[in-house]
Protein backbone atom coordinates (compact mmCIF):
# COMPACT_ATOMS: atom_id res chain seq x y z
CA UNK A 1 -0.64 -23.20 -116.34
CA UNK A 2 -2.17 -26.59 -115.63
CA UNK A 3 -0.78 -29.79 -117.17
CA UNK A 4 -2.70 -33.01 -117.68
CA UNK A 5 -1.52 -36.52 -118.45
CA UNK A 6 -4.32 -38.87 -119.42
CA UNK A 7 -3.92 -42.58 -120.13
CA UNK A 8 -6.56 -44.55 -122.02
CA UNK A 9 -6.30 -48.31 -122.58
CA UNK A 10 -8.25 -49.91 -125.42
CA UNK A 11 -10.18 -53.12 -125.04
CA UNK A 12 -8.55 -55.90 -127.09
CA UNK A 13 -9.70 -55.53 -130.67
CA UNK A 14 -10.78 -51.89 -130.17
CA UNK A 15 -7.38 -50.24 -130.63
CA UNK A 16 -8.10 -48.78 -134.08
CA UNK A 17 -11.57 -47.57 -133.11
CA UNK A 18 -10.25 -45.90 -129.96
CA UNK A 19 -7.46 -44.22 -131.92
CA UNK A 20 -10.00 -42.86 -134.42
CA UNK A 21 -12.15 -41.40 -131.63
CA UNK A 22 -9.15 -39.87 -129.87
CA UNK A 23 -7.93 -38.25 -133.08
CA UNK A 24 -11.37 -36.65 -133.47
CA UNK A 25 -11.02 -35.14 -130.01
CA UNK A 26 -7.62 -33.66 -130.89
CA UNK A 27 -9.01 -31.56 -133.73
CA UNK A 28 -11.85 -30.12 -131.67
CA UNK A 29 -9.86 -29.63 -128.48
CA UNK A 30 -7.01 -27.70 -130.08
CA UNK A 31 -9.57 -25.05 -131.08
CA UNK A 32 -10.78 -24.56 -127.51
CA UNK A 33 -10.04 -21.35 -125.65
CA UNK A 34 -7.37 -22.02 -123.04
CA UNK A 35 -5.82 -25.02 -124.78
CA UNK A 36 -2.06 -24.47 -125.02
CA UNK A 37 -1.06 -28.01 -125.98
CA UNK A 38 -3.03 -31.21 -126.62
CA UNK A 39 -0.85 -34.02 -127.93
CA UNK A 40 -1.80 -37.66 -128.40
CA UNK A 41 0.82 -40.40 -128.00
CA UNK A 42 0.79 -44.19 -128.21
CA UNK A 43 2.86 -46.41 -125.93
CA UNK A 44 5.75 -47.89 -127.93
CA UNK A 45 5.42 -51.27 -126.18
CA UNK A 46 1.63 -51.44 -125.86
CA UNK A 47 -0.12 -50.16 -129.00
CA UNK A 48 -3.52 -50.13 -127.28
CA UNK A 49 -2.36 -47.63 -124.66
CA UNK A 50 -2.82 -43.98 -125.56
CA UNK A 51 -1.53 -41.00 -123.60
CA UNK A 52 -2.56 -37.38 -123.88
CA UNK A 53 -0.14 -34.69 -122.77
CA UNK A 54 -2.01 -31.43 -122.31
CA UNK A 55 -1.38 -27.88 -121.12
CA UNK A 56 -4.18 -25.48 -120.22
CA UNK A 57 -4.12 -21.84 -119.23
CA UNK A 58 -6.22 -22.52 -116.12
CA UNK A 59 -8.38 -25.00 -114.21
CA UNK A 60 -11.42 -23.16 -115.60
CA UNK A 61 -10.28 -23.80 -119.17
CA UNK A 62 -9.82 -27.50 -118.35
CA UNK A 63 -13.27 -27.62 -116.75
CA UNK A 64 -14.81 -26.11 -119.90
CA UNK A 65 -12.96 -28.74 -121.94
CA UNK A 66 -14.39 -31.54 -119.80
CA UNK A 67 -17.90 -30.16 -120.36
CA UNK A 68 -17.47 -29.68 -124.14
CA UNK A 69 -19.82 -31.54 -126.46
CA UNK A 70 -17.05 -33.61 -128.07
CA UNK A 71 -15.84 -34.75 -124.65
CA UNK A 72 -19.36 -35.69 -123.60
CA UNK A 73 -19.83 -37.62 -126.84
CA UNK A 74 -16.58 -39.52 -126.22
CA UNK A 75 -17.69 -40.28 -122.67
CA UNK A 76 -20.85 -41.90 -124.03
CA UNK A 77 -18.77 -44.18 -126.31
CA UNK A 78 -15.86 -44.85 -123.97
CA UNK A 79 -17.44 -47.80 -122.20
CA UNK A 80 -17.40 -49.87 -125.35
CA UNK A 81 -13.79 -48.90 -126.22
CA UNK A 82 -11.87 -48.72 -122.94
CA UNK A 83 -10.56 -51.71 -120.98
CA UNK A 84 -10.19 -49.53 -117.86
CA UNK A 85 -11.44 -46.15 -116.72
CA UNK A 86 -9.22 -43.36 -118.05
CA UNK A 87 -6.40 -42.41 -115.71
CA UNK A 88 -6.14 -38.61 -115.42
CA UNK A 89 -3.33 -36.78 -113.66
CA UNK A 90 -3.33 -33.01 -113.25
CA UNK A 91 -0.19 -31.21 -112.19
CA UNK A 92 1.51 -27.86 -112.07
CA UNK A 93 5.05 -27.32 -113.26
CA UNK A 94 7.69 -26.68 -110.62
CA UNK A 95 10.64 -25.67 -112.82
C-alpha cells in the first residue's frame, strides 16, 4: 500500500472556493479503482490549509488518479486558488 499526504494552502480570500473544489475531488476520487482511503482535513490553526490523507493499493493506482479528468481539471484551476504549489509526500508504512 502507498500512502500520500498532500498539503494545499489557499490564497487569502480563496479559502471557501478551494474547499469547494477539494470536496468535489473527494467524491470522484473515492470511486476510483485502487483508492483505499481519501480523507480531507483542515488545519485547526490555519483554516486556509487543507491536508489530504490518502491510501492507495499501488503506485499505478496513484498514477491513474493523478491522470484522472477531475485531477486535471483541478490542476487547471489551482493557480488561482493556491498560495503555494501543493506539497505532496508519498510514503510506505513501516509498522
